[in-house]
PDB file of N, CA and C in Angstrom:
ATOM      1  N   MET A   1     134.382  87.526 108.150  1.00  0.00           N
ATOM      2  CA  MET A   1     133.133  87.025 107.600  1.00  0.00           C
ATOM      3  C   MET A   1     132.330  86.335 108.699  1.00  0.00           C
ATOM      4  N   LYS A   2     131.070  86.703 108.806  1.00  0.00           N
ATOM      5  CA  LYS A   2     130.207  86.179 109.850  1.00  0.00           C
ATOM      6  C   LYS A   2     129.611  84.832 109.441  1.00  0.00           C
ATOM      7  N   LYS A   3     129.519  83.916 110.399  1.00  0.00           N
ATOM      8  CA  LYS A   3     128.959  82.594 110.141  1.00  0.00           C
ATOM      9  C   LYS A   3     127.429  82.680 110.060  1.00  0.00           C
ATOM     10  N   VAL A   4     126.846  82.055 109.036  1.00  0.00           N
ATOM     11  CA  VAL A   4     125.403  82.048 108.841  1.00  0.00           C
ATOM     12  C   VAL A   4     124.825  80.814 109.536  1.00  0.00           C
ATOM     13  N   PRO A   5     123.875  81.010 110.489  1.00  0.00           N
ATOM     14  CA  PRO A   5     123.295  79.856 111.159  1.00  0.00           C
ATOM     15  C   PRO A   5     122.426  79.040 110.197  1.00  0.00           C
ATOM     16  N   LEU A   6     122.568  77.725 110.234  1.00  0.00           N
ATOM     17  CA  LEU A   6     121.810  76.820 109.374  1.00  0.00           C
ATOM     18  C   LEU A   6     120.858  75.987 110.220  1.00  0.00           C
ATOM     19  N   ARG A   7     119.702  75.697 109.657  1.00  0.00           N
ATOM     20  CA  ARG A   7     118.721  74.833 110.312  1.00  0.00           C
ATOM     21  C   ARG A   7     118.149  73.889 109.259  1.00  0.00           C
ATOM     22  N   LYS A   8     117.585  72.769 109.739  1.00  0.00           N
ATOM     23  CA  LYS A   8     117.055  71.756 108.835  1.00  0.00           C
ATOM     24  C   LYS A   8     115.533  71.847 108.761  1.00  0.00           C
ATOM     25  N   CYS A   9     115.016  71.843 107.544  1.00  0.00           N
ATOM     26  CA  CYS A   9     113.574  71.858 107.304  1.00  0.00           C
ATOM     27  C   CYS A   9     113.008  70.482 107.636  1.00  0.00           C
ATOM     28  N   LEU A  10     111.906  70.441 108.397  1.00  0.00           N
ATOM     29  CA  LEU A  10     111.277  69.176 108.760  1.00  0.00           C
ATOM     30  C   LEU A  10     110.719  68.436 107.548  1.00  0.00           C
ATOM     31  N   VAL A  11     110.221  69.176 106.580  1.00  0.00           N
ATOM     32  CA  VAL A  11     109.553  68.571 105.430  1.00  0.00           C
ATOM     33  C   VAL A  11     110.551  67.948 104.456  1.00  0.00           C
ATOM     34  N   SER A  12     111.529  68.745 104.019  1.00  0.00           N
ATOM     35  CA  SER A  12     112.443  68.282 102.971  1.00  0.00           C
ATOM     36  C   SER A  12     113.721  67.670 103.520  1.00  0.00           C
ATOM     37  N   ASN A  13     113.972  67.839 104.830  1.00  0.00           N
ATOM     38  CA  ASN A  13     115.189  67.330 105.468  1.00  0.00           C
ATOM     39  C   ASN A  13     116.449  67.932 104.838  1.00  0.00           C
ATOM     40  N   THR A  14     116.325  69.175 104.363  1.00  0.00           N
ATOM     41  CA  THR A  14     117.423  69.900 103.736  1.00  0.00           C
ATOM     42  C   THR A  14     117.834  71.057 104.637  1.00  0.00           C
ATOM     43  N   THR A  15     119.122  71.370 104.659  1.00  0.00           N
ATOM     44  CA  THR A  15     119.623  72.465 105.480  1.00  0.00           C
ATOM     45  C   THR A  15     119.549  73.790 104.710  1.00  0.00           C
ATOM     46  N   TYR A  16     119.004  74.820 105.377  1.00  0.00           N
ATOM     47  CA  TYR A  16     118.862  76.154 104.810  1.00  0.00           C
ATOM     48  C   TYR A  16     119.378  77.183 105.817  1.00  0.00           C
ATOM     49  N   PRO A  17     119.724  78.393 105.342  1.00  0.00           N
ATOM     50  CA  PRO A  17     120.006  79.474 106.297  1.00  0.00           C
ATOM     51  C   PRO A  17     118.753  79.756 107.131  1.00  0.00           C
ATOM     52  N   LYS A  18     118.954  80.070 108.391  1.00  0.00           N
ATOM     53  CA  LYS A  18     117.849  80.269 109.331  1.00  0.00           C
ATOM     54  C   LYS A  18     116.845  81.322 108.846  1.00  0.00           C
ATOM     55  N   ALA A  19     117.319  82.329 108.123  1.00  0.00           N
ATOM     56  CA  ALA A  19     116.450  83.411 107.652  1.00  0.00           C
ATOM     57  C   ALA A  19     115.442  82.945 106.604  1.00  0.00           C
ATOM     58  N   GLU A  20     115.691  81.803 105.957  1.00  0.00           N
ATOM     59  CA  GLU A  20     114.787  81.297 104.912  1.00  0.00           C
ATOM     60  C   GLU A  20     113.738  80.329 105.455  1.00  0.00           C
ATOM     61  N   LEU A  21     113.658  80.192 106.775  1.00  0.00           N
ATOM     62  CA  LEU A  21     112.764  79.215 107.383  1.00  0.00           C
ATOM     63  C   LEU A  21     111.776  79.877 108.335  1.00  0.00           C
ATOM     64  N   PHE A  22     110.585  79.254 108.460  1.00  0.00           N
ATOM     65  CA  PHE A  22     109.635  79.631 109.497  1.00  0.00           C
ATOM     66  C   PHE A  22     109.991  78.838 110.744  1.00  0.00           C
ATOM     67  N   ARG A  23     109.843  79.450 111.923  1.00  0.00           N
ATOM     68  CA  ARG A  23     110.034  78.732 113.177  1.00  0.00           C
ATOM     69  C   ARG A  23     108.680  78.634 113.856  1.00  0.00           C
ATOM     70  N   VAL A  24     108.254  77.416 114.121  1.00  0.00           N
ATOM     71  CA  VAL A  24     107.008  77.167 114.830  1.00  0.00           C
ATOM     72  C   VAL A  24     107.408  76.699 116.220  1.00  0.00           C
ATOM     73  N   VAL A  25     106.826  77.310 117.249  1.00  0.00           N
ATOM     74  CA  VAL A  25     107.257  77.069 118.622  1.00  0.00           C
ATOM     75  C   VAL A  25     106.118  76.528 119.471  1.00  0.00           C
ATOM     76  N   LYS A  26     106.441  75.522 120.288  1.00  0.00           N
ATOM     77  CA  LYS A  26     105.535  75.073 121.340  1.00  0.00           C
ATOM     78  C   LYS A  26     106.038  75.734 122.616  1.00  0.00           C
ATOM     79  N   THR A  27     105.272  76.679 123.132  1.00  0.00           N
ATOM     80  CA  THR A  27     105.685  77.449 124.301  1.00  0.00           C
ATOM     81  C   THR A  27     105.602  76.578 125.551  1.00  0.00           C
ATOM     82  N   PRO A  28     106.233  77.004 126.647  1.00  0.00           N
ATOM     83  CA  PRO A  28     106.139  76.244 127.899  1.00  0.00           C
ATOM     84  C   PRO A  28     104.699  76.066 128.396  1.00  0.00           C
ATOM     85  N   ASP A  29     103.794  76.958 127.978  1.00  0.00           N
ATOM     86  CA  ASP A  29     102.376  76.842 128.349  1.00  0.00           C
ATOM     87  C   ASP A  29     101.652  75.773 127.541  1.00  0.00           C
ATOM     88  N   GLY A  30     102.270  75.310 126.441  1.00  0.00           N
ATOM     89  CA  GLY A  30     101.647  74.313 125.585  1.00  0.00           C
ATOM     90  C   GLY A  30     101.012  74.890 124.336  1.00  0.00           C
ATOM     91  N   ASP A  31     101.055  76.209 124.170  1.00  0.00           N
ATOM     92  CA  ASP A  31     100.512  76.845 122.966  1.00  0.00           C
ATOM     93  C   ASP A  31     101.477  76.661 121.808  1.00  0.00           C
ATOM     94  N   VAL A  32     100.944  76.578 120.596  1.00  0.00           N
ATOM     95  CA  VAL A  32     101.772  76.479 119.395  1.00  0.00           C
ATOM     96  C   VAL A  32     101.571  77.751 118.582  1.00  0.00           C
ATOM     97  N   VAL A  33     102.682  78.462 118.320  1.00  0.00           N
ATOM     98  CA  VAL A  33     102.606  79.740 117.613  1.00  0.00           C
ATOM     99  C   VAL A  33     103.707  79.826 116.570  1.00  0.00           C
ATOM    100  N   LEU A  34     103.493  80.703 115.585  1.00  0.00           N
ATOM    101  CA  LEU A  34     104.513  80.991 114.581  1.00  0.00           C
ATOM    102  C   LEU A  34     105.419  82.076 115.142  1.00  0.00           C
ATOM    103  N   ASP A  35     106.721  81.811 115.197  1.00  0.00           N
ATOM    104  CA  ASP A  35     107.693  82.734 115.786  1.00  0.00           C
ATOM    105  C   ASP A  35     108.415  83.479 114.672  1.00  0.00           C
ATOM    106  N   ILE A  36     107.970  84.696 114.390  1.00  0.00           N
ATOM    107  CA  ILE A  36     108.574  85.503 113.334  1.00  0.00           C
ATOM    108  C   ILE A  36     109.934  86.041 113.783  1.00  0.00           C
ATOM    109  N   THR A  37     110.068  86.384 115.056  1.00  0.00           N
ATOM    110  CA  THR A  37     111.317  86.971 115.560  1.00  0.00           C
ATOM    111  C   THR A  37     112.413  85.931 115.754  1.00  0.00           C
ATOM    112  N   GLY A  38     112.039  84.684 115.991  1.00  0.00           N
ATOM    113  CA  GLY A  38     113.028  83.627 116.221  1.00  0.00           C
ATOM    114  C   GLY A  38     113.583  83.635 117.627  1.00  0.00           C
ATOM    115  N   LYS A  39     112.919  84.311 118.557  1.00  0.00           N
ATOM    116  CA  LYS A  39     113.447  84.449 119.907  1.00  0.00           C
ATOM    117  C   LYS A  39     112.508  83.958 120.999  1.00  0.00           C
ATOM    118  N   LEU A  40     111.365  83.413 120.655  1.00  0.00           N
ATOM    119  CA  LEU A  40     110.434  82.937 121.676  1.00  0.00           C
ATOM    120  C   LEU A  40     111.000  81.732 122.412  1.00  0.00           C
ATOM    121  N   ASN A  41     110.661  81.632 123.696  1.00  0.00           N
ATOM    122  CA  ASN A  41     111.067  80.470 124.476  1.00  0.00           C
ATOM    123  C   ASN A  41     110.213  79.274 124.089  1.00  0.00           C
ATOM    124  N   GLY A  42     110.816  78.105 124.121  1.00  0.00           N
ATOM    125  CA  GLY A  42     110.083  76.882 123.851  1.00  0.00           C
ATOM    126  C   GLY A  42     110.749  76.036 122.795  1.00  0.00           C
ATOM    127  N   ARG A  43     110.123  74.911 122.505  1.00  0.00           N
ATOM    128  CA  ARG A  43     110.628  73.956 121.530  1.00  0.00           C
ATOM    129  C   ARG A  43     110.288  74.452 120.132  1.00  0.00           C
ATOM    130  N   GLY A  44     111.274  74.537 119.268  1.00  0.00           N
ATOM    131  CA  GLY A  44     111.053  75.060 117.931  1.00  0.00           C
ATOM    132  C   GLY A  44     111.254  74.013 116.853  1.00  0.00           C
ATOM    133  N   ALA A  45     110.546  74.197 115.748  1.00  0.00           N
ATOM    134  CA  ALA A  45     110.698  73.359 114.564  1.00  0.00           C
ATOM    135  C   ALA A  45     110.675  74.290 113.351  1.00  0.00           C
ATOM    136  N   TYR A  46     111.398  73.908 112.319  1.00  0.00           N
ATOM    137  CA  TYR A  46     111.585  74.792 111.165  1.00  0.00           C
ATOM    138  C   TYR A  46     110.971  74.219 109.894  1.00  0.00           C
ATOM    139  N   ILE A  47     110.337  75.109 109.118  1.00  0.00           N
ATOM    140  CA  ILE A  47     109.726  74.765 107.827  1.00  0.00           C
ATOM    141  C   ILE A  47     110.203  75.795 106.810  1.00  0.00           C
ATOM    142  N   HIS A  48     110.600  75.332 105.624  1.00  0.00           N
ATOM    143  CA  HIS A  48     111.079  76.240 104.575  1.00  0.00           C
ATOM    144  C   HIS A  48     109.948  77.150 104.116  1.00  0.00           C
ATOM    145  N   GLN A  49     110.295  78.380 103.750  1.00  0.00           N
ATOM    146  CA  GLN A  49     109.296  79.377 103.378  1.00  0.00           C
ATOM    147  C   GLN A  49     108.889  79.257 101.915  1.00  0.00           C
ATOM    148  N   ASP A  50     108.226  78.169 101.569  1.00  0.00           N
ATOM    149  CA  ASP A  50     107.608  78.066 100.254  1.00  0.00           C
ATOM    150  C   ASP A  50     106.269  77.341 100.397  1.00  0.00           C
ATOM    151  N   LYS A  51     105.405  77.588  99.432  1.00  0.00           N
ATOM    152  CA  LYS A  51     104.034  77.087  99.508  1.00  0.00           C
ATOM    153  C   LYS A  51     103.976  75.561  99.590  1.00  0.00           C
ATOM    154  N   GLU A  52     104.821  74.882  98.814  1.00  0.00           N
ATOM    155  CA  GLU A  52     104.805  73.414  98.784  1.00  0.00           C
ATOM    156  C   GLU A  52     105.175  72.825 100.146  1.00  0.00           C
ATOM    157  N   SER A  53     106.190  73.399 100.794  1.00  0.00           N
ATOM    158  CA  SER A  53     106.617  72.887 102.096  1.00  0.00           C
ATOM    159  C   SER A  53     105.543  73.069 103.156  1.00  0.00           C
ATOM    160  N   VAL A  54     104.891  74.214 103.144  1.00  0.00           N
ATOM    161  CA  VAL A  54     103.834  74.473 104.131  1.00  0.00           C
ATOM    162  C   VAL A  54     102.663  73.518 103.920  1.00  0.00           C
ATOM    163  N   GLU A  55     102.265  73.324 102.653  1.00  0.00           N
ATOM    164  CA  GLU A  55     101.152  72.407 102.363  1.00  0.00           C
ATOM    165  C   GLU A  55     101.508  70.971 102.738  1.00  0.00           C
ATOM    166  N   LYS A  56     102.735  70.561 102.453  1.00  0.00           N
ATOM    167  CA  LYS A  56     103.158  69.202 102.774  1.00  0.00           C
ATOM    168  C   LYS A  56     103.252  68.997 104.287  1.00  0.00           C
ATOM    169  N   ALA A  57     103.687  70.022 105.012  1.00  0.00           N
ATOM    170  CA  ALA A  57     103.765  69.936 106.472  1.00  0.00           C
ATOM    171  C   ALA A  57     102.377  69.748 107.071  1.00  0.00           C
ATOM    172  N   LYS A  58     101.397  70.444 106.500  1.00  0.00           N
ATOM    173  CA  LYS A  58     100.017  70.309 106.990  1.00  0.00           C
ATOM    174  C   LYS A  58      99.460  68.925 106.665  1.00  0.00           C
ATOM    175  N   LYS A  59      99.745  68.446 105.468  1.00  0.00           N
ATOM    176  CA  LYS A  59      99.210  67.160 105.020  1.00  0.00           C
ATOM    177  C   LYS A  59      99.832  65.982 105.783  1.00  0.00           C
ATOM    178  N   THR A  60     101.157  65.994 105.976  1.00  0.00           N
ATOM    179  CA  THR A  60     101.843  64.852 106.603  1.00  0.00           C
ATOM    180  C   THR A  60     101.878  64.936 108.123  1.00  0.00           C
ATOM    181  N   LYS A  61     101.490  66.097 108.690  1.00  0.00           N
ATOM    182  CA  LYS A  61     101.476  66.308 110.142  1.00  0.00           C
ATOM    183  C   LYS A  61     102.845  66.124 110.784  1.00  0.00           C
ATOM    184  N   CYS A  62     103.915  66.453 110.052  1.00  0.00           N
ATOM    185  CA  CYS A  62     105.265  66.319 110.608  1.00  0.00           C
ATOM    186  C   CYS A  62     105.508  67.316 111.737  1.00  0.00           C
ATOM    187  N   LEU A  63     104.875  68.486 111.678  1.00  0.00           N
ATOM    188  CA  LEU A  63     105.013  69.464 112.762  1.00  0.00           C
ATOM    189  C   LEU A  63     104.381  68.948 114.051  1.00  0.00           C
ATOM    190  N   GLU A  64     103.237  68.293 113.925  1.00  0.00           N
ATOM    191  CA  GLU A  64     102.565  67.750 115.104  1.00  0.00           C
ATOM    192  C   GLU A  64     103.426  66.697 115.782  1.00  0.00           C
ATOM    193  N   ARG A  65     104.086  65.862 114.991  1.00  0.00           N
ATOM    194  CA  ARG A  65     104.961  64.832 115.567  1.00  0.00           C
ATOM    195  C   ARG A  65     106.189  65.448 116.213  1.00  0.00           C
ATOM    196  N   ALA A  66     106.771  66.453 115.570  1.00  0.00           N
ATOM    197  CA  ALA A  66     107.991  67.067 116.092  1.00  0.00           C
ATOM    198  C   ALA A  66     107.740  67.830 117.393  1.00  0.00           C
ATOM    199  N   LEU A  67     106.614  68.511 117.470  1.00  0.00           N
ATOM    200  CA  LEU A  67     106.316  69.318 118.653  1.00  0.00           C
ATOM    201  C   LEU A  67     105.436  68.606 119.665  1.00  0.00           C
ATOM    202  N   GLU A  68     104.945  67.438 119.300  1.00  0.00           N
ATOM    203  CA  GLU A  68     104.060  66.645 120.152  1.00  0.00           C
ATOM    204  C   GLU A  68     102.871  67.478 120.635  1.00  0.00           C
ATOM    205  N   ALA A  69     102.251  68.196 119.696  1.00  0.00           N
ATOM    206  CA  ALA A  69     101.089  69.021 120.008  1.00  0.00           C
ATOM    207  C   ALA A  69     100.260  69.211 118.753  1.00  0.00           C
ATOM    208  N   GLU A  70      98.997  69.550 118.947  1.00  0.00           N
ATOM    209  CA  GLU A  70      98.114  69.840 117.811  1.00  0.00           C
ATOM    210  C   GLU A  70      98.445  71.226 117.269  1.00  0.00           C
ATOM    211  N   ILE A  71      98.539  71.336 115.945  1.00  0.00           N
ATOM    212  CA  ILE A  71      98.880  72.608 115.309  1.00  0.00           C
ATOM    213  C   ILE A  71      97.592  73.263 114.810  1.00  0.00           C
ATOM    214  N   PRO A  72      97.261  74.456 115.314  1.00  0.00           N
ATOM    215  CA  PRO A  72      96.048  75.143 114.845  1.00  0.00           C
ATOM    216  C   PRO A  72      96.179  75.576 113.382  1.00  0.00           C
ATOM    217  N   ASP A  73      95.052  75.640 112.686  1.00  0.00           N
ATOM    218  CA  ASP A  73      95.048  76.058 111.279  1.00  0.00           C
ATOM    219  C   ASP A  73      95.564  77.484 111.112  1.00  0.00           C
ATOM    220  N   LYS A  74      95.387  78.332 112.132  1.00  0.00           N
ATOM    221  CA  LYS A  74      95.824  79.725 112.007  1.00  0.00           C
ATOM    222  C   LYS A  74      97.344  79.833 111.855  1.00  0.00           C
ATOM    223  N   VAL A  75      98.098  78.855 112.353  1.00  0.00           N
ATOM    224  CA  VAL A  75      99.559  78.856 112.197  1.00  0.00           C
ATOM    225  C   VAL A  75      99.906  78.673 110.716  1.00  0.00           C
ATOM    226  N   PHE A  76      99.235  77.737 110.051  1.00  0.00           N
ATOM    227  CA  PHE A  76      99.479  77.501 108.628  1.00  0.00           C
ATOM    228  C   PHE A  76      99.006  78.695 107.786  1.00  0.00           C
ATOM    229  N   GLU A  77      97.897  79.308 108.188  1.00  0.00           N
ATOM    230  CA  GLU A  77      97.393  80.485 107.476  1.00  0.00           C
ATOM    231  C   GLU A  77      98.380  81.646 107.574  1.00  0.00           C
ATOM    232  N   LYS A  78      98.973  81.833 108.762  1.00  0.00           N
ATOM    233  CA  LYS A  78      99.968  82.889 108.945  1.00  0.00           C
ATOM    234  C   LYS A  78     101.202  82.617 108.066  1.00  0.00           C
ATOM    235  N   MET A  79     101.627  81.344 107.987  1.00  0.00           N
ATOM    236  CA  MET A  79     102.770  81.003 107.158  1.00  0.00           C
ATOM    237  C   MET A  79     102.496  81.365 105.696  1.00  0.00           C
ATOM    238  N   MET A  80     101.315  81.020 105.202  1.00  0.00           N
ATOM    239  CA  MET A  80     100.968  81.327 103.818  1.00  0.00           C
ATOM    240  C   MET A  80     100.935  82.839 103.586  1.00  0.00           C
ATOM    241  N   PHE A  81     100.528  83.600 104.594  1.00  0.00           N
ATOM    242  CA  PHE A  81     100.493  85.063 104.488  1.00  0.00           C
ATOM    243  C   PHE A  81     101.907  85.637 104.345  1.00  0.00           C
ATOM    244  N   TYR A  82     102.875  85.063 105.071  1.00  0.00           N
ATOM    245  CA  TYR A  82     104.248  85.588 105.079  1.00  0.00           C
ATOM    246  C   TYR A  82     105.118  85.086 103.923  1.00  0.00           C
ATOM    247  N   ILE A  83     104.635  84.132 103.138  1.00  0.00           N
ATOM    248  CA  ILE A  83     105.439  83.632 102.013  1.00  0.00           C
ATOM    249  C   ILE A  83     105.625  84.759 101.009  1.00  0.00           C
ATOM    250  N   LYS A  84     106.866  84.918 100.575  1.00  0.00           N
ATOM    251  CA  LYS A  84     107.219  86.010  99.650  1.00  0.00           C
ATOM    252  C   LYS A  84     106.781  85.722  98.237  1.00  0.00           C
TER     253      LYS A  84
END
């Protein structure tokens, strides 16, 4: 049986399987992007893939604090697009 990697959501502080989370990355260049593949280089932060978590992350600015960078609105728009 293969081990499932777990990560913690910044918003809810709950542990989820990595596949159920969005990874937002601050690249070495300083850009902030949504990492769908989970393989981009840089500092990553995880948000659960539901509408409430994404809205709360935008409202409380927890992603900005975790990555120490300004998060563009297009990152949140992409997250809302990918929510199942």
